[in-house]
Amino acid sequence: MPRFNEEKYDVSLIGLREPDQAYENLKSQGIRLSSLNRGRFDFGTVNAIASLVRKEKVDILHLHGYGASNFGQMAARLTGVKTIIHEHFVDPKLPVYQKPFDFVLAPFVDHAFAVSASVREFMVKKRFIPRSKVEVLYNGAPLNEFKPFSASEIIRERKQWNIPDDTQLIGTVGRLDTQKGLRYLIEAASLLLGQKDRNVRFIIAGDGPLMESLRQQSRELGVEDAFIFTGHYSNIPLLQSMIDIQAFPSLWEGTPLTLFEAMSMNLPIISTDVDGLGEVLTSGQNALVVPPKDPTALASGIAKLLDDPELAQRLSENALNDSKKFDIQNSVTRMEEIYDSLAR
């Protein structure tokens, strides 16, 4: 549910495309939504947004994504409202069509949020947004909702997935696409399981376009029996309560919410050092950090955490302590301050 002060802020969401599952999930939480049902390059979107702005007497457009950024800023120029661009990751494949939009529209942005310092540099250097307008605001997670489940609940859930009580479990959570680097986790598992007889399994929670290719890779490497692909998994704190280590083998990132959730859940973390991950995590202090696309280093890091419980506990306790800086209310409070400033 929204965490903004309801007495001061009336927040609603506008979706540019047709309603999807995310739209329905938000709607079920009682969030006020509008769907414009427009195509990616439909310039009628500008007038559609402008009409809603006038009808709802909107003061600020908080824009996420290229389409929202482009059409939203154009609508803002028509209606005179303020704009905030919120960027969530360093895009290694910035669309060619985006650069001219940014070149023309970026000077008119009133404020911008970047979820990490590396994302800020991307916004300044690749999206032409004036540095003075870009603020680093790390993502926040509802940390009070991420606490370990009871032993009985964990045992019950592990039985649902046929995971023996004495099996160590490495987990990862996220969309199954190239960005998450999961092919390297499967390669690392093959190396790890080939070292010695380990009672270890891997659980990948999430759905996405690479599901079948990742399954096929696990079969080809002979580690199919060591992997569980859950598909969409709604109760992430329960999943995290089951696992012994959480892995982030990403190739690029902003600051994923699941990172802060894992930290709050007191989990040992093995991660690549890309973008926001490398800014939040310090190897040997609150995680083990390895280069991206390096299954050997990833396997070695996982083995180190499995074989050295004292190290794993020290890292997880430090991560738990550090997680307090990334509670979602901190992010909401800062956004409210910017809303007040722009509205004045």
C-alpha atoms as a PDB file:
ATOM      1  CA  MET A   1       0.000   0.000   0.000  1.00  0.00           C
ATOM      2  CA  PRO A   2       1.137   3.615  -0.546  1.00  0.00           C
ATOM      3  CA  ARG A   3       3.194   5.018   2.316  1.00  0.00           C
ATOM      4  CA  PHE A   4       2.813   8.711   1.537  1.00  0.00           C
ATOM      5  CA  ASN A   5       1.019  10.946   4.015  1.00  0.00           C
ATOM      6  CA  GLU A   6      -2.569  10.648   2.778  1.00  0.00           C
ATOM      7  CA  GLU A   7      -3.530  13.943   4.395  1.00  0.00           C
ATOM      8  CA  LYS A   8      -1.032  15.822   2.193  1.00  0.00           C
ATOM      9  CA  TYR A   9      -0.608  13.750  -0.960  1.00  0.00           C
ATOM     10  CA  ASP A  10      -3.143  12.308  -3.357  1.00  0.00           C
ATOM     11  CA  VAL A  11      -1.174   9.743  -5.360  1.00  0.00           C
ATOM     12  CA  SER A  12      -2.456   7.888  -8.419  1.00  0.00           C
ATOM     13  CA  LEU A  13      -0.723   5.914 -11.158  1.00  0.00           C
ATOM     14  CA  ILE A  14      -1.000   6.196 -14.932  1.00  0.00           C
ATOM     15  CA  GLY A  15      -0.077   3.215 -17.095  1.00  0.00           C
ATOM     16  CA  LEU A  16       0.685   3.965 -20.746  1.00  0.00           C
ATOM     17  CA  ARG A  17      -0.042   0.478 -22.095  1.00  0.00           C
ATOM     18  CA  GLU A  18      -2.865  -2.021 -21.702  1.00  0.00           C
ATOM     19  CA  PRO A  19      -3.435  -3.369 -18.163  1.00  0.00           C
ATOM     20  CA  ASP A  20      -1.116  -6.258 -17.263  1.00  0.00           C
ATOM     21  CA  GLN A  21      -0.590  -8.453 -14.210  1.00  0.00           C
ATOM     22  CA  ALA A  22       1.328  -5.738 -12.382  1.00  0.00           C
ATOM     23  CA  TYR A  23      -1.595  -3.376 -13.011  1.00  0.00           C
ATOM     24  CA  GLU A  24      -4.041  -5.891 -11.567  1.00  0.00           C
ATOM     25  CA  ASN A  25      -1.822  -6.514  -8.531  1.00  0.00           C
ATOM     26  CA  LEU A  26      -1.690  -2.797  -7.744  1.00  0.00           C
ATOM     27  CA  LYS A  27      -5.404  -2.428  -8.307  1.00  0.00           C
ATOM     28  CA  SER A  28      -6.099  -5.248  -5.851  1.00  0.00           C
ATOM     29  CA  GLN A  29      -4.219  -3.235  -3.197  1.00  0.00           C
ATOM     30  CA  GLY A  30      -6.646  -0.363  -3.563  1.00  0.00           C
ATOM     31  CA  ILE A  31      -4.303   1.895  -5.523  1.00  0.00           C
ATOM     32  CA  ARG A  32      -5.978   4.341  -7.889  1.00  0.00           C
ATOM     33  CA  LEU A  33      -4.909   3.631 -11.479  1.00  0.00           C
ATOM     34  CA  SER A  34      -5.573   4.795 -15.014  1.00  0.00           C
ATOM     35  CA  SER A  35      -4.587   2.859 -18.147  1.00  0.00           C
ATOM     36  CA  LEU A  36      -4.161   4.750 -21.418  1.00  0.00           C
ATOM     37  CA  ASN A  37      -3.937   1.658 -23.671  1.00  0.00           C
ATOM     38  CA  ARG A  38      -1.458   3.366 -25.985  1.00  0.00           C
ATOM     39  CA  GLY A  39       1.288   1.976 -28.194  1.00  0.00           C
ATOM     40  CA  ARG A  40       4.984   2.599 -27.601  1.00  0.00           C
ATOM     41  CA  PHE A  41       5.305   5.355 -30.221  1.00  0.00           C
ATOM     42  CA  ASP A  42       1.750   6.716 -30.109  1.00  0.00           C
ATOM     43  CA  PHE A  43       2.140  10.481 -29.727  1.00  0.00           C
ATOM     44  CA  GLY A  44      -1.534  10.693 -28.817  1.00  0.00           C
ATOM     45  CA  THR A  45      -0.254   9.640 -25.394  1.00  0.00           C
ATOM     46  CA  VAL A  46       0.841  13.242 -24.789  1.00  0.00           C
ATOM     47  CA  ASN A  47      -2.672  14.659 -25.033  1.00  0.00           C
ATOM     48  CA  ALA A  48      -4.073  11.714 -23.074  1.00  0.00           C
ATOM     49  CA  ILE A  49      -1.706  12.458 -20.183  1.00  0.00           C
ATOM     50  CA  ALA A  50      -2.362  16.190 -20.435  1.00  0.00           C
ATOM     51  CA  SER A  51      -6.119  15.591 -20.244  1.00  0.00           C
ATOM     52  CA  LEU A  52      -5.709  13.523 -17.082  1.00  0.00           C
ATOM     53  CA  VAL A  53      -3.402  16.155 -15.574  1.00  0.00           C
ATOM     54  CA  ARG A  54      -6.023  18.851 -16.115  1.00  0.00           C
ATOM     55  CA  LYS A  55      -8.922  16.675 -14.985  1.00  0.00           C
ATOM     56  CA  GLU A  56      -7.221  15.517 -11.788  1.00  0.00           C
ATOM     57  CA  LYS A  57      -5.544  18.899 -11.137  1.00  0.00           C
ATOM     58  CA  VAL A  58      -2.134  17.260 -10.922  1.00  0.00           C
ATOM     59  CA  ASP A  59       0.824  19.242  -9.548  1.00  0.00           C
ATOM     60  CA  ILE A  60       3.714  16.856 -10.236  1.00  0.00           C
ATOM     61  CA  LEU A  61       4.388  14.051 -12.705  1.00  0.00           C
ATOM     62  CA  HIS A  62       6.804  11.487 -11.230  1.00  0.00           C
ATOM     63  CA  LEU A  63       8.044   9.611 -14.303  1.00  0.00           C
ATOM     64  CA  HIS A  64       9.456   6.074 -14.509  1.00  0.00           C
ATOM     65  CA  GLY A  65      10.677   4.580 -17.795  1.00  0.00           C
ATOM     66  CA  TYR A  66      11.499   5.984 -21.214  1.00  0.00           C
ATOM     67  CA  GLY A  67       7.954   6.259 -22.527  1.00  0.00           C
ATOM     68  CA  ALA A  68       6.664   7.942 -19.372  1.00  0.00           C
ATOM     69  CA  SER A  69       9.691  10.236 -19.356  1.00  0.00           C
ATOM     70  CA  ASN A  70       9.219  11.330 -22.967  1.00  0.00           C
ATOM     71  CA  PHE A  71       5.460  11.693 -23.175  1.00  0.00           C
ATOM     72  CA  GLY A  72       5.152  12.880 -19.583  1.00  0.00           C
ATOM     73  CA  GLN A  73       7.581  15.728 -20.094  1.00  0.00           C
ATOM     74  CA  MET A  74       5.798  16.791 -23.268  1.00  0.00           C
ATOM     75  CA  ALA A  75       2.485  16.781 -21.402  1.00  0.00           C
ATOM     76  CA  ALA A  76       4.096  18.803 -18.620  1.00  0.00           C
ATOM     77  CA  ARG A  77       5.155  21.452 -21.141  1.00  0.00           C
ATOM     78  CA  LEU A  78       1.523  21.721 -22.269  1.00  0.00           C
ATOM     79  CA  THR A  79       0.071  21.909 -18.760  1.00  0.00           C
ATOM     80  CA  GLY A  80       2.769  23.655 -16.740  1.00  0.00           C
ATOM     81  CA  VAL A  81       3.176  20.958 -14.084  1.00  0.00           C
ATOM     82  CA  LYS A  82       6.493  19.945 -12.537  1.00  0.00           C
ATOM     83  CA  THR A  83       8.343  16.754 -13.481  1.00  0.00           C
ATOM     84  CA  ILE A  84      10.576  14.241 -11.721  1.00  0.00           C
ATOM     85  CA  ILE A  85      12.434  11.539 -13.647  1.00  0.00           C
ATOM     86  CA  HIS A  86      13.247   8.422 -11.627  1.00  0.00           C
ATOM     87  CA  GLU A  87      15.876   6.116 -13.174  1.00  0.00           C
ATOM     88  CA  HIS A  88      16.369   2.603 -11.824  1.00  0.00           C
ATOM     89  CA  PHE A  89      19.374   1.186 -13.642  1.00  0.00           C
ATOM     90  CA  VAL A  90      22.279   1.783 -15.983  1.00  0.00           C
ATOM     91  CA  ASP A  91      20.940   0.643 -19.336  1.00  0.00           C
ATOM     92  CA  PRO A  92      23.734  -0.967 -21.398  1.00  0.00           C
ATOM     93  CA  LYS A  93      21.429  -0.926 -24.419  1.00  0.00           C
ATOM     94  CA  LEU A  94      20.037   2.588 -24.290  1.00  0.00           C
ATOM     95  CA  PRO A  95      17.630   2.754 -27.253  1.00  0.00           C
ATOM     96  CA  VAL A  96      18.853   4.856 -30.162  1.00  0.00           C
ATOM     97  CA  TYR A  97      15.532   6.692 -30.288  1.00  0.00           C
ATOM     98  CA  GLN A  98      15.904   7.828 -26.665  1.00  0.00           C
ATOM     99  CA  LYS A  99      18.886  10.124 -27.118  1.00  0.00           C
ATOM    100  CA  PRO A 100      17.145  12.807 -29.208  1.00  0.00           C
ATOM    101  CA  PHE A 101      14.219  12.848 -26.777  1.00  0.00           C
ATOM    102  CA  ASP A 102      16.567  13.305 -23.824  1.00  0.00           C
ATOM    103  CA  PHE A 103      18.674  15.907 -25.607  1.00  0.00           C
ATOM    104  CA  VAL A 104      15.617  18.089 -26.218  1.00  0.00           C
ATOM    105  CA  LEU A 105      13.638  17.410 -23.016  1.00  0.00           C
ATOM    106  CA  ALA A 106      16.271  16.934 -20.306  1.00  0.00           C
ATOM    107  CA  PRO A 107      16.880  20.666 -19.690  1.00  0.00           C
ATOM    108  CA  PHE A 108      13.232  21.023 -18.623  1.00  0.00           C
ATOM    109  CA  VAL A 109      13.319  18.336 -15.916  1.00  0.00           C
ATOM    110  CA  ASP A 110      12.658  19.852 -12.493  1.00  0.00           C
ATOM    111  CA  HIS A 111      14.288  17.077 -10.446  1.00  0.00           C
ATOM    112  CA  ALA A 112      15.646  13.587 -10.963  1.00  0.00           C
ATOM    113  CA  PHE A 113      16.266  10.582  -8.739  1.00  0.00           C
ATOM    114  CA  ALA A 114      18.962   7.983  -9.414  1.00  0.00           C
ATOM    115  CA  VAL A 115      18.934   4.771  -7.376  1.00  0.00           C
ATOM    116  CA  SER A 116      22.741   4.692  -7.191  1.00  0.00           C
ATOM    117  CA  ALA A 117      25.770   6.847  -7.960  1.00  0.00           C
ATOM    118  CA  SER A 118      26.466   4.845 -11.119  1.00  0.00           C
ATOM    119  CA  VAL A 119      22.885   5.455 -12.278  1.00  0.00           C
ATOM    120  CA  ARG A 120      23.407   9.167 -11.629  1.00  0.00           C
ATOM    121  CA  GLU A 121      26.423   9.170 -13.957  1.00  0.00           C
ATOM    122  CA  PHE A 122      24.333   7.357 -16.576  1.00  0.00           C
ATOM    123  CA  MET A 123      21.603   9.999 -16.308  1.00  0.00           C
ATOM    124  CA  VAL A 124      24.069  12.856 -16.609  1.00  0.00           C
ATOM    125  CA  LYS A 125      26.330  11.485 -19.333  1.00  0.00           C
ATOM    126  CA  LYS A 126      23.913   9.406 -21.408  1.00  0.00           C
ATOM    127  CA  ARG A 127      20.569  11.071 -20.789  1.00  0.00           C
ATOM    128  CA  PHE A 128      21.827  14.692 -20.668  1.00  0.00           C
ATOM    129  CA  ILE A 129      20.090  15.580 -17.397  1.00  0.00           C
ATOM    130  CA  PRO A 130      21.904  18.445 -15.628  1.00  0.00           C
ATOM    131  CA  ARG A 131      24.016  17.078 -12.789  1.00  0.00           C
ATOM    132  CA  SER A 132      22.675  19.707 -10.387  1.00  0.00           C
ATOM    133  CA  LYS A 133      19.183  18.240 -10.778  1.00  0.00           C
ATOM    134  CA  VAL A 134      20.077  14.565 -10.204  1.00  0.00           C
ATOM    135  CA  GLU A 135      19.945  13.252  -6.652  1.00  0.00           C
ATOM    136  CA  VAL A 136      21.029   9.783  -5.549  1.00  0.00           C
ATOM    137  CA  LEU A 137      18.160   8.173  -3.645  1.00  0.00           C
ATOM    138  CA  TYR A 138      18.704   4.496  -2.956  1.00  0.00           C
ATOM    139  CA  ASN A 139      15.705   2.243  -3.232  1.00  0.00           C
ATOM    140  CA  GLY A 140      14.057   1.347   0.031  1.00  0.00           C
ATOM    141  CA  ALA A 141      12.330  -1.852   1.112  1.00  0.00           C
ATOM    142  CA  PRO A 142       9.616  -2.369   3.752  1.00  0.00           C
ATOM    143  CA  LEU A 143      12.126  -3.927   6.128  1.00  0.00           C
ATOM    144  CA  ASN A 144       9.596  -4.487   8.914  1.00  0.00           C
ATOM    145  CA  GLU A 145       7.932  -7.039   6.614  1.00  0.00           C
ATOM    146  CA  PHE A 146      11.163  -9.003   6.100  1.00  0.00           C
ATOM    147  CA  LYS A 147      11.741 -11.059   9.212  1.00  0.00           C
ATOM    148  CA  PRO A 148      12.478 -14.825   9.382  1.00  0.00           C
ATOM    149  CA  PHE A 149       9.555 -17.230   9.599  1.00  0.00           C
ATOM    150  CA  SER A 150       9.248 -19.802  12.371  1.00  0.00           C
ATOM    151  CA  ALA A 151      11.096 -23.123  12.173  1.00  0.00           C
ATOM    152  CA  SER A 152       7.842 -25.043  11.676  1.00  0.00           C
ATOM    153  CA  GLU A 153       6.804 -22.835   8.751  1.00  0.00           C
ATOM    154  CA  ILE A 154      10.233 -23.224   7.161  1.00  0.00           C
ATOM    155  CA  ILE A 155      10.115 -27.013   7.502  1.00  0.00           C
ATOM    156  CA  ARG A 156       6.637 -27.082   5.962  1.00  0.00           C
ATOM    157  CA  GLU A 157       7.705 -24.952   2.988  1.00  0.00           C
ATOM    158  CA  ARG A 158      10.859 -26.969   2.356  1.00  0.00           C
ATOM    159  CA  LYS A 159       8.728 -30.118   2.268  1.00  0.00           C
ATOM    160  CA  GLN A 160       6.527 -28.480  -0.384  1.00  0.00           C
ATOM    161  CA  TRP A 161       9.629 -28.326  -2.599  1.00  0.00           C
ATOM    162  CA  ASN A 162      11.025 -31.712  -1.517  1.00  0.00           C
ATOM    163  CA  ILE A 163      14.081 -30.137   0.100  1.00  0.00           C
ATOM    164  CA  PRO A 164      15.514 -32.296   2.914  1.00  0.00           C
ATOM    165  CA  ASP A 165      16.133 -30.525   6.221  1.00  0.00           C
ATOM    166  CA  ASP A 166      19.888 -31.135   6.062  1.00  0.00           C
ATOM    167  CA  THR A 167      20.318 -29.731   2.539  1.00  0.00           C
ATOM    168  CA  GLN A 168      22.023 -26.352   2.246  1.00  0.00           C
ATOM    169  CA  LEU A 169      20.098 -24.037  -0.060  1.00  0.00           C
ATOM    170  CA  ILE A 170      21.389 -21.183  -2.203  1.00  0.00           C
ATOM    171  CA  GLY A 171      18.670 -18.903  -3.539  1.00  0.00           C
ATOM    172  CA  THR A 172      18.189 -16.018  -5.905  1.00  0.00           C
ATOM    173  CA  VAL A 173      15.123 -13.901  -6.610  1.00  0.00           C
ATOM    174  CA  GLY A 174      14.290 -11.898  -9.720  1.00  0.00           C
ATOM    175  CA  ARG A 175      13.132 -11.819 -13.294  1.00  0.00           C
ATOM    176  CA  LEU A 176      14.718 -14.513 -15.442  1.00  0.00           C
ATOM    177  CA  ASP A 177      16.424 -12.344 -18.032  1.00  0.00           C
ATOM    178  CA  THR A 178      19.958 -11.566 -19.185  1.00  0.00           C
ATOM    179  CA  GLN A 179      20.464  -8.789 -16.645  1.00  0.00           C
ATOM    180  CA  LYS A 180      20.327 -11.169 -13.671  1.00  0.00           C
ATOM    181  CA  GLY A 181      23.299 -13.267 -14.845  1.00  0.00           C
ATOM    182  CA  LEU A 182      21.682 -16.562 -13.894  1.00  0.00           C
ATOM    183  CA  ARG A 183      23.535 -18.566 -16.540  1.00  0.00           C
ATOM    184  CA  TYR A 184      26.705 -17.862 -14.564  1.00  0.00           C
ATOM    185  CA  LEU A 185      25.077 -19.102 -11.358  1.00  0.00           C
ATOM    186  CA  ILE A 186      24.251 -22.388 -13.083  1.00  0.00           C
ATOM    187  CA  GLU A 187      27.831 -22.654 -14.361  1.00  0.00           C
ATOM    188  CA  ALA A 188      29.079 -21.907 -10.842  1.00  0.00           C
ATOM    189  CA  ALA A 189      26.825 -24.641  -9.463  1.00  0.00           C
ATOM    190  CA  SER A 190      28.336 -27.130 -11.906  1.00  0.00           C
ATOM    191  CA  LEU A 191      31.832 -26.180 -10.723  1.00  0.00           C
ATOM    192  CA  LEU A 192      30.848 -26.229  -7.055  1.00  0.00           C
ATOM    193  CA  LEU A 193      29.139 -29.611  -7.193  1.00  0.00           C
ATOM    194  CA  GLY A 194      32.066 -31.058  -9.132  1.00  0.00           C
ATOM    195  CA  GLN A 195      34.553 -30.171  -6.387  1.00  0.00           C
ATOM    196  CA  LYS A 196      33.292 -32.643  -3.809  1.00  0.00           C
ATOM    197  CA  ASP A 197      30.161 -34.361  -2.638  1.00  0.00           C
ATOM    198  CA  ARG A 198      28.078 -31.452  -1.347  1.00  0.00           C
ATOM    199  CA  ASN A 199      24.537 -31.637  -0.035  1.00  0.00           C
ATOM    200  CA  VAL A 200      23.541 -28.389  -1.745  1.00  0.00           C
ATOM    201  CA  ARG A 201      20.646 -27.274  -3.919  1.00  0.00           C
ATOM    202  CA  PHE A 202      19.805 -24.038  -5.704  1.00  0.00           C
ATOM    203  CA  ILE A 203      16.407 -22.364  -5.855  1.00  0.00           C
ATOM    204  CA  ILE A 204      15.612 -19.710  -8.482  1.00  0.00           C
ATOM    205  CA  ALA A 205      12.460 -17.743  -7.702  1.00  0.00           C
ATOM    206  CA  GLY A 206      10.907 -15.717 -10.489  1.00  0.00           C
ATOM    207  CA  ASP A 207       9.669 -15.919 -14.039  1.00  0.00           C
ATOM    208  CA  GLY A 208      10.826 -14.484 -17.325  1.00  0.00           C
ATOM    209  CA  PRO A 209      11.875 -15.108 -20.924  1.00  0.00           C
ATOM    210  CA  LEU A 210      14.950 -17.217 -20.069  1.00  0.00           C
ATOM    211  CA  MET A 211      13.126 -19.814 -17.972  1.00  0.00           C
ATOM    212  CA  GLU A 212      13.362 -22.642 -20.500  1.00  0.00           C
ATOM    213  CA  SER A 213      16.900 -21.852 -21.652  1.00  0.00           C
ATOM    214  CA  LEU A 214      18.106 -21.851 -18.026  1.00  0.00           C
ATOM    215  CA  ARG A 215      16.409 -25.196 -17.423  1.00  0.00           C
ATOM    216  CA  GLN A 216      18.059 -26.526 -20.554  1.00  0.00           C
ATOM    217  CA  GLN A 217      21.450 -25.266 -19.400  1.00  0.00           C
ATOM    218  CA  SER A 218      21.063 -27.050 -16.058  1.00  0.00           C
ATOM    219  CA  ARG A 219      20.260 -30.279 -17.944  1.00  0.00           C
ATOM    220  CA  GLU A 220      23.248 -29.906 -20.270  1.00  0.00           C
ATOM    221  CA  LEU A 221      25.616 -29.325 -17.342  1.00  0.00           C
ATOM    222  CA  GLY A 222      24.222 -32.271 -15.427  1.00  0.00           C
ATOM    223  CA  VAL A 223      22.954 -30.246 -12.461  1.00  0.00           C
ATOM    224  CA  GLU A 224      19.235 -30.355 -13.222  1.00  0.00           C
ATOM    225  CA  ASP A 225      18.494 -32.248  -9.999  1.00  0.00           C
ATOM    226  CA  ALA A 226      20.241 -29.560  -7.953  1.00  0.00           C
ATOM    227  CA  PHE A 227      17.987 -26.754  -9.243  1.00  0.00           C
ATOM    228  CA  ILE A 228      14.452 -25.727  -8.354  1.00  0.00           C
ATOM    229  CA  PHE A 229      12.722 -23.198 -10.618  1.00  0.00           C
ATOM    230  CA  THR A 230       9.697 -21.915  -8.704  1.00  0.00           C
ATOM    231  CA  GLY A 231       8.265 -19.533 -11.300  1.00  0.00           C
ATOM    232  CA  HIS A 232       6.391 -16.604  -9.728  1.00  0.00           C
ATOM    233  CA  TYR A 233       6.813 -16.772  -5.946  1.00  0.00           C
ATOM    234  CA  SER A 234       4.662 -14.383  -3.940  1.00  0.00           C
ATOM    235  CA  ASN A 235       5.995 -14.852  -0.404  1.00  0.00           C
ATOM    236  CA  ILE A 236       9.626 -13.721  -0.671  1.00  0.00           C
ATOM    237  CA  PRO A 237      10.262 -13.510   3.110  1.00  0.00           C
ATOM    238  CA  LEU A 238       9.249 -17.171   3.405  1.00  0.00           C
ATOM    239  CA  LEU A 239      11.567 -18.144   0.569  1.00  0.00           C
ATOM    240  CA  GLN A 240      14.408 -16.190   2.161  1.00  0.00           C
ATOM    241  CA  SER A 241      13.707 -17.890   5.480  1.00  0.00           C
ATOM    242  CA  MET A 242      14.381 -21.229   3.772  1.00  0.00           C
ATOM    243  CA  ILE A 243      17.687 -20.419   2.136  1.00  0.00           C
ATOM    244  CA  ASP A 244      21.183 -20.325   3.622  1.00  0.00           C
ATOM    245  CA  ILE A 245      22.798 -17.935   1.119  1.00  0.00           C
ATOM    246  CA  GLN A 246      21.313 -15.414  -1.316  1.00  0.00           C
ATOM    247  CA  ALA A 247      23.108 -14.896  -4.625  1.00  0.00           C
ATOM    248  CA  PHE A 248      23.113 -11.812  -6.882  1.00  0.00           C
ATOM    249  CA  PRO A 249      25.017 -12.778 -10.061  1.00  0.00           C
ATOM    250  CA  SER A 250      23.751  -9.695 -11.955  1.00  0.00           C
ATOM    251  CA  LEU A 251      25.470  -8.183 -14.996  1.00  0.00           C
ATOM    252  CA  TRP A 252      24.036  -4.712 -14.354  1.00  0.00           C
ATOM    253  CA  GLU A 253      21.715  -3.286 -11.715  1.00  0.00           C
ATOM    254  CA  GLY A 254      20.417  -0.228  -9.966  1.00  0.00           C
ATOM    255  CA  THR A 255      19.861  -1.197  -6.362  1.00  0.00           C
ATOM    256  CA  PRO A 256      17.476  -4.173  -6.356  1.00  0.00           C
ATOM    257  CA  LEU A 257      14.956  -4.258  -3.530  1.00  0.00           C
ATOM    258  CA  THR A 258      15.701  -7.935  -2.966  1.00  0.00           C
ATOM    259  CA  LEU A 259      19.211  -6.925  -1.875  1.00  0.00           C
ATOM    260  CA  PHE A 260      17.900  -4.865   1.037  1.00  0.00           C
ATOM    261  CA  GLU A 261      15.383  -7.584   1.829  1.00  0.00           C
ATOM    262  CA  ALA A 262      18.153 -10.194   2.012  1.00  0.00           C
ATOM    263  CA  MET A 263      20.186  -7.899   4.261  1.00  0.00           C
ATOM    264  CA  SER A 264      17.195  -7.412   6.556  1.00  0.00           C
ATOM    265  CA  MET A 265      16.642 -11.187   6.640  1.00  0.00           C
ATOM    266  CA  ASN A 266      20.147 -11.674   8.094  1.00  0.00           C
ATOM    267  CA  LEU A 267      21.313 -13.705   5.103  1.00  0.00           C
ATOM    268  CA  PRO A 268      24.894 -14.216   3.918  1.00  0.00           C
ATOM    269  CA  ILE A 269      25.171 -12.619   0.472  1.00  0.00           C
ATOM    270  CA  ILE A 270      27.315 -13.460  -2.555  1.00  0.00           C
ATOM    271  CA  SER A 271      27.087 -10.784  -5.238  1.00  0.00           C
ATOM    272  CA  THR A 272      28.735  -9.291  -8.283  1.00  0.00           C
ATOM    273  CA  ASP A 273      30.206  -5.807  -7.917  1.00  0.00           C
ATOM    274  CA  VAL A 274      28.148  -4.096 -10.632  1.00  0.00           C
ATOM    275  CA  ASP A 275      26.597  -0.643 -10.257  1.00  0.00           C
ATOM    276  CA  GLY A 276      24.473  -0.216  -7.118  1.00  0.00           C
ATOM    277  CA  LEU A 277      25.375  -3.664  -5.794  1.00  0.00           C
ATOM    278  CA  GLY A 278      29.027  -2.628  -5.600  1.00  0.00           C
ATOM    279  CA  GLU A 279      28.058   0.614  -3.873  1.00  0.00           C
ATOM    280  CA  VAL A 280      26.007  -0.998  -1.109  1.00  0.00           C
ATOM    281  CA  LEU A 281      28.123  -4.126  -0.567  1.00  0.00           C
ATOM    282  CA  THR A 282      31.745  -4.273   0.576  1.00  0.00           C
ATOM    283  CA  SER A 283      33.464  -7.616   0.171  1.00  0.00           C
ATOM    284  CA  GLY A 284      34.520  -9.114   3.478  1.00  0.00           C
ATOM    285  CA  GLN A 285      32.375  -6.693   5.458  1.00  0.00           C
ATOM    286  CA  ASN A 286      28.705  -7.272   4.633  1.00  0.00           C
ATOM    287  CA  ALA A 287      28.983  -9.738   1.715  1.00  0.00           C
ATOM    288  CA  LEU A 288      31.369 -11.582  -0.552  1.00  0.00           C
ATOM    289  CA  VAL A 289      31.678  -9.648  -3.806  1.00  0.00           C
ATOM    290  CA  VAL A 290      32.950 -11.094  -7.108  1.00  0.00           C
ATOM    291  CA  PRO A 291      33.300  -9.842 -10.694  1.00  0.00           C
ATOM    292  CA  PRO A 292      30.382 -10.388 -13.107  1.00  0.00           C
ATOM    293  CA  LYS A 293      30.463 -13.183 -15.699  1.00  0.00           C
ATOM    294  CA  ASP A 294      32.949 -15.152 -13.570  1.00  0.00           C
ATOM    295  CA  PRO A 295      31.438 -18.512 -12.571  1.00  0.00           C
ATOM    296  CA  THR A 296      34.732 -19.674 -11.048  1.00  0.00           C
ATOM    297  CA  ALA A 297      34.842 -16.726  -8.646  1.00  0.00           C
ATOM    298  CA  LEU A 298      31.139 -17.150  -7.919  1.00  0.00           C
ATOM    299  CA  ALA A 299      31.571 -20.861  -7.121  1.00  0.00           C
ATOM    300  CA  SER A 300      34.588 -20.096  -4.939  1.00  0.00           C
ATOM    301  CA  GLY A 301      32.650 -17.455  -2.991  1.00  0.00           C
ATOM    302  CA  ILE A 302      29.693 -19.759  -2.406  1.00  0.00           C
ATOM    303  CA  ALA A 303      32.036 -22.533  -1.247  1.00  0.00           C
ATOM    304  CA  LYS A 304      33.724 -20.125   1.157  1.00  0.00           C
ATOM    305  CA  LEU A 305      30.401 -19.183   2.746  1.00  0.00           C
ATOM    306  CA  LEU A 306      29.302 -22.816   2.960  1.00  0.00           C
ATOM    307  CA  ASP A 307      32.575 -23.969   4.517  1.00  0.00           C
ATOM    308  CA  ASP A 308      33.070 -21.083   6.955  1.00  0.00           C
ATOM    309  CA  PRO A 309      29.917 -20.592   9.067  1.00  0.00           C
ATOM    310  CA  GLU A 310      31.639 -17.987  11.261  1.00  0.00           C
ATOM    311  CA  LEU A 311      32.426 -15.827   8.223  1.00  0.00           C
ATOM    312  CA  ALA A 312      28.890 -16.240   6.896  1.00  0.00           C
ATOM    313  CA  GLN A 313      27.428 -15.203  10.253  1.00  0.00           C
ATOM    314  CA  ARG A 314      29.684 -12.142  10.578  1.00  0.00           C
ATOM    315  CA  LEU A 315      28.818 -10.938   7.067  1.00  0.00           C
ATOM    316  CA  SER A 316      25.087 -11.486   7.559  1.00  0.00           C
ATOM    317  CA  GLU A 317      25.067  -9.647  10.902  1.00  0.00           C
ATOM    318  CA  ASN A 318      26.883  -6.678   9.368  1.00  0.00           C
ATOM    319  CA  ALA A 319      24.446  -6.689   6.447  1.00  0.00           C
ATOM    320  CA  LEU A 320      21.504  -6.737   8.864  1.00  0.00           C
ATOM    321  CA  ASN A 321      22.911  -3.705  10.653  1.00  0.00           C
ATOM    322  CA  ASP A 322      23.545  -1.889   7.346  1.00  0.00           C
ATOM    323  CA  SER A 323      20.023  -2.629   6.102  1.00  0.00           C
ATOM    324  CA  LYS A 324      18.568  -0.078   8.512  1.00  0.00           C
ATOM    325  CA  LYS A 325      19.790   2.685   6.195  1.00  0.00           C
ATOM    326  CA  PHE A 326      17.602   1.360   3.389  1.00  0.00           C
ATOM    327  CA  ASP A 327      14.144   1.262   4.907  1.00  0.00           C
ATOM    328  CA  ILE A 328      11.471   2.390   2.486  1.00  0.00           C
ATOM    329  CA  GLN A 329      10.237   5.123   4.820  1.00  0.00           C
ATOM    330  CA  ASN A 330      13.545   6.949   4.361  1.00  0.00           C
ATOM    331  CA  SER A 331      12.915   7.023   0.598  1.00  0.00           C
ATOM    332  CA  VAL A 332       9.299   8.126   1.022  1.00  0.00           C
ATOM    333  CA  THR A 333      10.259  10.934   3.397  1.00  0.00           C
ATOM    334  CA  ARG A 334      12.810  12.303   0.933  1.00  0.00           C
ATOM    335  CA  MET A 335      10.351  12.129  -1.958  1.00  0.00           C
ATOM    336  CA  GLU A 336       7.795  14.010   0.116  1.00  0.00           C
ATOM    337  CA  GLU A 337      10.372  16.730   0.762  1.00  0.00           C
ATOM    338  CA  ILE A 338      10.982  17.107  -2.973  1.00  0.00           C
ATOM    339  CA  TYR A 339       7.244  17.106  -3.709  1.00  0.00           C
ATOM    340  CA  ASP A 340       6.775  19.933  -1.176  1.00  0.00           C
ATOM    341  CA  SER A 341       9.665  21.904  -2.655  1.00  0.00           C
ATOM    342  CA  LEU A 342       8.403  21.598  -6.228  1.00  0.00           C
ATOM    343  CA  ALA A 343       4.796  22.329  -5.281  1.00  0.00           C
ATOM    344  CA  ARG A 344       5.888  25.561  -3.593  1.00  0.00           C
END
